[in-house]
Every structure is written in C-alpha cells, then in structure tokens.
Amino acid sequence: MNKKLIIYSSIIFLIIPIFGFKSLLSLFGNILLLLFLIPMLFLGIVFLSWNSFKKTIIQCKTCGNTIYGVHQKCPYCGSKIDQDLQNSSFTANASEETIEVEAEEII
C-alpha cells in the first residue's frame, strides 16, 4: 500500500504539472499571438482598402468638389474632368518611350 502511494503521488507531482505548465504556456502564447496578429491583419485590410478607395476619388479642378468614381463630367458643376490617366505622358507603345543607349569605350 505504501509503495503504491509513492508511485501515484510521484505521477501526480511530476507528470501532471509538466503537462499543465506546457498547456498554460501554449495558451498564453496563443493569446499573445492573437493580440498582436489580429490588429496587424486589420491594419493590413484597412491599408489595402484605403489605397483601393483612394484610386477612385477625383477632385474637380473647377469647383473643387470631391467625386467618387469615374466620371467624364462633374455632377456638381458640369465641367469636363481631366482624368490623370488620359492626360498623362504614358503611351500604349513602349517602343516610343524607350531611349536607345550606345556603349562607348573609354580610353
């Protein structure tokens, strides 16, 4: 009887606290990960949505009102809106924009 008591008490005092400590440590680690990763995920979603939203906002140069979406005319004053992509110096043909560079030997 005394021998069984020693075996069972050693199991309780050695094995159960080890598994209990590991599970508590992993629980706290997972909570800390969630506390740091979920706000970072939300910040990433907000950043991407803000950049997407910012691309579709246009300001009328005549009246100064902000317009959401792609419009040809300002819905407030009726003036024609200059689209940055239409009036930019970008062209569809890349060969017109390529600069040819010739190598020269320096002596």
N, C-alpha and C. Protein backbone atom coordinates (compact mmCIF):
# COMPACT_ATOMS: atom_id res chain seq x y z
N MET A 1 0.81 -1.18 0.00
CA MET A 1 0.00 0.00 0.00
C MET A 1 0.86 1.25 0.00
N ASN A 2 1.91 1.26 0.79
CA ASN A 2 2.80 2.39 0.89
C ASN A 2 3.56 2.60 -0.42
N LYS A 3 3.90 1.48 -1.12
CA LYS A 3 4.62 1.55 -2.37
C LYS A 3 3.72 2.16 -3.46
N LYS A 4 2.44 1.80 -3.50
CA LYS A 4 1.51 2.34 -4.48
C LYS A 4 1.28 3.83 -4.25
N LEU A 5 1.23 4.23 -3.02
CA LEU A 5 1.03 5.63 -2.69
C LEU A 5 2.20 6.47 -3.19
N ILE A 6 3.40 5.97 -3.07
CA ILE A 6 4.59 6.69 -3.55
C ILE A 6 4.57 6.79 -5.08
N ILE A 7 4.19 5.71 -5.76
CA ILE A 7 4.14 5.72 -7.22
C ILE A 7 3.08 6.70 -7.72
N TYR A 8 1.89 6.63 -7.16
CA TYR A 8 0.82 7.51 -7.59
C TYR A 8 1.10 8.98 -7.25
N SER A 9 1.67 9.24 -6.13
CA SER A 9 1.99 10.62 -5.76
C SER A 9 3.11 11.18 -6.64
N SER A 10 4.07 10.33 -7.01
CA SER A 10 5.12 10.80 -7.91
C SER A 10 4.56 11.10 -9.30
N ILE A 11 3.59 10.30 -9.74
CA ILE A 11 2.94 10.58 -11.02
C ILE A 11 2.20 11.91 -10.96
N ILE A 12 1.48 12.13 -9.87
CA ILE A 12 0.72 13.37 -9.74
C ILE A 12 1.65 14.58 -9.65
N PHE A 13 2.71 14.49 -8.86
CA PHE A 13 3.58 15.63 -8.64
C PHE A 13 4.58 15.88 -9.76
N LEU A 14 4.86 14.89 -10.60
CA LEU A 14 5.84 15.08 -11.67
C LEU A 14 5.22 15.23 -13.06
N ILE A 15 4.31 14.38 -13.41
CA ILE A 15 3.82 14.36 -14.80
C ILE A 15 2.70 15.38 -15.02
N ILE A 16 1.75 15.47 -14.13
CA ILE A 16 0.62 16.38 -14.33
C ILE A 16 1.07 17.85 -14.33
N PRO A 17 1.94 18.30 -13.43
CA PRO A 17 2.38 19.71 -13.52
C PRO A 17 3.16 20.03 -14.80
N ILE A 18 3.89 19.05 -15.32
CA ILE A 18 4.63 19.30 -16.56
C ILE A 18 3.66 19.55 -17.70
N PHE A 19 2.65 18.70 -17.85
CA PHE A 19 1.69 18.90 -18.92
C PHE A 19 0.82 20.12 -18.66
N GLY A 20 0.54 20.38 -17.42
CA GLY A 20 -0.25 21.57 -17.10
C GLY A 20 0.51 22.84 -17.38
N PHE A 21 1.79 22.87 -17.08
CA PHE A 21 2.61 24.04 -17.34
C PHE A 21 2.76 24.28 -18.84
N LYS A 22 2.94 23.20 -19.60
CA LYS A 22 3.07 23.34 -21.05
C LYS A 22 1.78 23.85 -21.67
N SER A 23 0.67 23.35 -21.20
CA SER A 23 -0.59 23.80 -21.77
C SER A 23 -0.87 25.25 -21.40
N LEU A 24 -0.53 25.66 -20.16
CA LEU A 24 -0.69 27.06 -19.79
C LEU A 24 0.22 27.97 -20.60
N LEU A 25 1.45 27.51 -20.81
CA LEU A 25 2.40 28.30 -21.60
C LEU A 25 1.93 28.43 -23.04
N SER A 26 1.43 27.37 -23.64
CA SER A 26 0.95 27.45 -25.01
C SER A 26 -0.32 28.28 -25.10
N LEU A 27 -1.16 28.23 -24.08
CA LEU A 27 -2.37 29.05 -24.07
C LEU A 27 -2.02 30.53 -24.02
N PHE A 28 -1.08 30.91 -23.15
CA PHE A 28 -0.66 32.31 -23.08
C PHE A 28 0.04 32.74 -24.36
N GLY A 29 0.82 31.84 -24.94
CA GLY A 29 1.48 32.16 -26.22
C GLY A 29 0.49 32.39 -27.33
N ASN A 30 -0.54 31.57 -27.40
CA ASN A 30 -1.56 31.74 -28.43
C ASN A 30 -2.35 33.02 -28.22
N ILE A 31 -2.64 33.36 -26.98
CA ILE A 31 -3.36 34.61 -26.70
C ILE A 31 -2.51 35.81 -27.11
N LEU A 32 -1.20 35.78 -26.81
CA LEU A 32 -0.33 36.88 -27.20
C LEU A 32 -0.22 36.99 -28.72
N LEU A 33 -0.16 35.85 -29.41
CA LEU A 33 -0.14 35.88 -30.87
C LEU A 33 -1.41 36.52 -31.42
N LEU A 34 -2.54 36.16 -30.86
CA LEU A 34 -3.80 36.74 -31.32
C LEU A 34 -3.87 38.23 -31.02
N LEU A 35 -3.34 38.64 -29.88
CA LEU A 35 -3.37 40.06 -29.53
C LEU A 35 -2.50 40.89 -30.47
N PHE A 36 -1.45 40.31 -31.03
CA PHE A 36 -0.59 41.06 -31.94
C PHE A 36 -0.96 40.86 -33.41
N LEU A 37 -1.37 39.67 -33.80
CA LEU A 37 -1.60 39.39 -35.21
C LEU A 37 -2.95 39.88 -35.72
N ILE A 38 -3.98 39.83 -34.90
CA ILE A 38 -5.30 40.29 -35.36
C ILE A 38 -5.29 41.80 -35.62
N PRO A 39 -4.72 42.65 -34.76
CA PRO A 39 -4.65 44.08 -35.13
C PRO A 39 -3.79 44.33 -36.37
N MET A 40 -2.74 43.55 -36.55
CA MET A 40 -1.93 43.72 -37.76
C MET A 40 -2.72 43.31 -39.00
N LEU A 41 -3.56 42.30 -38.89
CA LEU A 41 -4.41 41.89 -40.00
C LEU A 41 -5.42 42.98 -40.33
N PHE A 42 -6.03 43.57 -39.31
CA PHE A 42 -6.98 44.65 -39.53
C PHE A 42 -6.30 45.87 -40.14
N LEU A 43 -5.09 46.19 -39.70
CA LEU A 43 -4.36 47.32 -40.28
C LEU A 43 -4.03 47.06 -41.75
N GLY A 44 -3.68 45.83 -42.08
CA GLY A 44 -3.41 45.48 -43.47
C GLY A 44 -4.64 45.60 -44.34
N ILE A 45 -5.78 45.15 -43.83
CA ILE A 45 -7.04 45.26 -44.59
C ILE A 45 -7.42 46.72 -44.77
N VAL A 46 -7.28 47.52 -43.73
CA VAL A 46 -7.60 48.95 -43.83
C VAL A 46 -6.67 49.64 -44.83
N PHE A 47 -5.40 49.31 -44.80
CA PHE A 47 -4.43 49.92 -45.72
C PHE A 47 -4.76 49.58 -47.17
N LEU A 48 -5.06 48.32 -47.45
CA LEU A 48 -5.38 47.92 -48.81
C LEU A 48 -6.69 48.53 -49.29
N SER A 49 -7.69 48.56 -48.42
CA SER A 49 -8.97 49.15 -48.83
C SER A 49 -8.84 50.66 -49.01
N TRP A 50 -8.03 51.32 -48.19
CA TRP A 50 -7.84 52.77 -48.34
C TRP A 50 -7.15 53.08 -49.66
N ASN A 51 -6.13 52.30 -50.03
CA ASN A 51 -5.47 52.53 -51.30
C ASN A 51 -6.40 52.27 -52.48
N SER A 52 -7.24 51.27 -52.38
CA SER A 52 -8.20 50.99 -53.43
C SER A 52 -9.24 52.10 -53.52
N PHE A 53 -9.68 52.60 -52.40
CA PHE A 53 -10.66 53.68 -52.36
C PHE A 53 -10.06 54.98 -52.88
N LYS A 54 -8.80 55.23 -52.57
CA LYS A 54 -8.13 56.47 -52.95
C LYS A 54 -7.94 56.56 -54.47
N LYS A 55 -7.85 55.43 -55.15
CA LYS A 55 -7.67 55.43 -56.60
C LYS A 55 -8.91 55.93 -57.32
N THR A 56 -10.08 55.78 -56.72
CA THR A 56 -11.32 56.15 -57.39
C THR A 56 -11.83 57.53 -57.00
N ILE A 57 -11.12 58.26 -56.18
CA ILE A 57 -11.53 59.60 -55.78
C ILE A 57 -10.88 60.62 -56.71
N ILE A 58 -11.71 61.51 -57.26
CA ILE A 58 -11.23 62.55 -58.17
C ILE A 58 -11.71 63.89 -57.62
N GLN A 59 -10.88 64.91 -57.75
CA GLN A 59 -11.29 66.25 -57.35
C GLN A 59 -11.46 67.12 -58.59
N CYS A 60 -12.59 67.77 -58.68
CA CYS A 60 -12.88 68.65 -59.81
C CYS A 60 -12.01 69.90 -59.69
N LYS A 61 -11.34 70.26 -60.79
CA LYS A 61 -10.46 71.42 -60.74
C LYS A 61 -11.22 72.74 -60.87
N THR A 62 -12.45 72.68 -61.33
CA THR A 62 -13.24 73.90 -61.48
C THR A 62 -13.92 74.29 -60.17
N CYS A 63 -14.69 73.36 -59.60
CA CYS A 63 -15.45 73.70 -58.38
C CYS A 63 -14.79 73.20 -57.10
N GLY A 64 -13.86 72.24 -57.20
CA GLY A 64 -13.15 71.75 -56.03
C GLY A 64 -13.84 70.64 -55.28
N ASN A 65 -15.00 70.18 -55.75
CA ASN A 65 -15.71 69.10 -55.06
C ASN A 65 -15.03 67.76 -55.33
N THR A 66 -15.14 66.88 -54.35
CA THR A 66 -14.57 65.55 -54.47
C THR A 66 -15.62 64.59 -55.00
N ILE A 67 -15.23 63.80 -56.00
CA ILE A 67 -16.15 62.90 -56.67
C ILE A 67 -15.62 61.49 -56.53
N TYR A 68 -16.52 60.56 -56.20
CA TYR A 68 -16.17 59.15 -56.09
C TYR A 68 -16.57 58.44 -57.37
N GLY A 69 -15.65 57.76 -57.99
CA GLY A 69 -15.94 57.01 -59.20
C GLY A 69 -15.31 57.65 -60.42
N VAL A 70 -15.55 57.04 -61.57
CA VAL A 70 -15.00 57.53 -62.82
C VAL A 70 -16.12 58.26 -63.57
N HIS A 71 -15.94 59.56 -63.77
CA HIS A 71 -16.93 60.38 -64.45
C HIS A 71 -16.25 61.18 -65.54
N GLN A 72 -16.98 61.48 -66.60
CA GLN A 72 -16.47 62.36 -67.64
C GLN A 72 -16.76 63.82 -67.31
N LYS A 73 -17.91 64.07 -66.64
CA LYS A 73 -18.30 65.42 -66.25
C LYS A 73 -18.52 65.46 -64.75
N CYS A 74 -18.28 66.61 -64.17
CA CYS A 74 -18.53 66.81 -62.75
C CYS A 74 -20.03 66.85 -62.52
N PRO A 75 -20.56 66.05 -61.59
CA PRO A 75 -22.00 66.08 -61.35
C PRO A 75 -22.47 67.37 -60.65
N TYR A 76 -21.57 68.15 -60.10
CA TYR A 76 -21.94 69.37 -59.37
C TYR A 76 -21.96 70.59 -60.28
N CYS A 77 -20.87 70.78 -61.05
CA CYS A 77 -20.80 71.99 -61.88
C CYS A 77 -20.93 71.70 -63.37
N GLY A 78 -20.77 70.45 -63.79
CA GLY A 78 -20.94 70.08 -65.19
C GLY A 78 -19.70 70.27 -66.04
N SER A 79 -18.59 70.68 -65.46
CA SER A 79 -17.38 70.86 -66.25
C SER A 79 -16.73 69.51 -66.55
N LYS A 80 -15.93 69.49 -67.60
CA LYS A 80 -15.27 68.26 -68.01
C LYS A 80 -14.12 67.96 -67.04
N ILE A 81 -14.02 66.71 -66.64
CA ILE A 81 -12.99 66.30 -65.67
C ILE A 81 -11.80 65.75 -66.44
N ASP A 82 -10.63 66.28 -66.10
CA ASP A 82 -9.40 65.76 -66.71
C ASP A 82 -8.97 64.53 -65.95
N GLN A 83 -8.99 63.40 -66.61
CA GLN A 83 -8.53 62.16 -66.00
C GLN A 83 -7.01 62.12 -66.06
N ASP A 84 -6.38 61.75 -64.97
CA ASP A 84 -4.92 61.70 -64.94
C ASP A 84 -4.38 60.68 -65.93
N LEU A 85 -5.08 59.56 -66.09
CA LEU A 85 -4.59 58.53 -66.99
C LEU A 85 -4.76 58.93 -68.45
N GLN A 86 -5.79 59.73 -68.79
CA GLN A 86 -5.99 60.13 -70.16
C GLN A 86 -5.01 61.22 -70.57
N ASN A 87 -4.67 62.11 -69.66
CA ASN A 87 -3.80 63.23 -69.99
C ASN A 87 -2.34 63.01 -69.61
N SER A 88 -2.01 61.84 -69.17
CA SER A 88 -0.65 61.60 -68.74
C SER A 88 0.27 61.39 -69.93
N SER A 89 1.53 61.36 -69.67
CA SER A 89 2.51 61.18 -70.73
C SER A 89 2.76 59.71 -71.03
N PHE A 90 2.00 58.81 -70.43
CA PHE A 90 2.16 57.39 -70.70
C PHE A 90 1.54 57.07 -72.06
N THR A 91 2.19 56.21 -72.79
CA THR A 91 1.65 55.78 -74.08
C THR A 91 1.50 54.27 -74.07
N ALA A 92 0.72 53.78 -75.00
CA ALA A 92 0.50 52.35 -75.10
C ALA A 92 1.67 51.66 -75.77
N ASN A 93 2.40 52.38 -76.62
CA ASN A 93 3.51 51.78 -77.34
C ASN A 93 4.80 52.07 -76.58
N ALA A 94 5.41 51.05 -76.05
CA ALA A 94 6.61 51.23 -75.23
C ALA A 94 7.83 51.58 -76.08
N SER A 95 7.82 51.21 -77.36
CA SER A 95 9.00 51.50 -78.19
C SER A 95 9.15 52.99 -78.45
N GLU A 96 8.07 53.75 -78.34
CA GLU A 96 8.18 55.20 -78.50
C GLU A 96 8.83 55.84 -77.28
N GLU A 97 8.77 55.20 -76.16
CA GLU A 97 9.31 55.75 -74.92
C GLU A 97 10.71 55.24 -74.59
N THR A 98 11.17 54.22 -75.29
CA THR A 98 12.46 53.62 -74.99
C THR A 98 13.59 54.50 -75.52
N ILE A 99 14.59 54.72 -74.70
CA ILE A 99 15.75 55.51 -75.10
C ILE A 99 16.87 54.53 -75.43
N GLU A 100 17.39 54.68 -76.64
CA GLU A 100 18.48 53.81 -77.06
C GLU A 100 19.80 54.39 -76.53
N VAL A 101 20.58 53.55 -75.90
CA VAL A 101 21.87 53.95 -75.35
C VAL A 101 22.95 53.15 -76.04
N GLU A 102 23.94 53.84 -76.54
CA GLU A 102 25.06 53.17 -77.19
C GLU A 102 26.24 53.19 -76.24
N ALA A 103 26.90 52.07 -76.12
CA ALA A 103 28.07 51.99 -75.25
C ALA A 103 29.30 52.50 -75.96
N GLU A 104 30.07 53.28 -75.24
CA GLU A 104 31.32 53.81 -75.81
C GLU A 104 32.46 53.33 -74.93
N GLU A 105 33.55 53.04 -75.56
CA GLU A 105 34.74 52.60 -74.83
C GLU A 105 35.53 53.81 -74.38
N ILE A 106 35.84 53.84 -73.11
CA ILE A 106 36.60 54.95 -72.54
C ILE A 106 38.06 54.55 -72.45
N ILE A 107 38.91 55.36 -73.03
CA ILE A 107 40.36 55.03 -73.03
C ILE A 107 41.09 55.97 -72.12
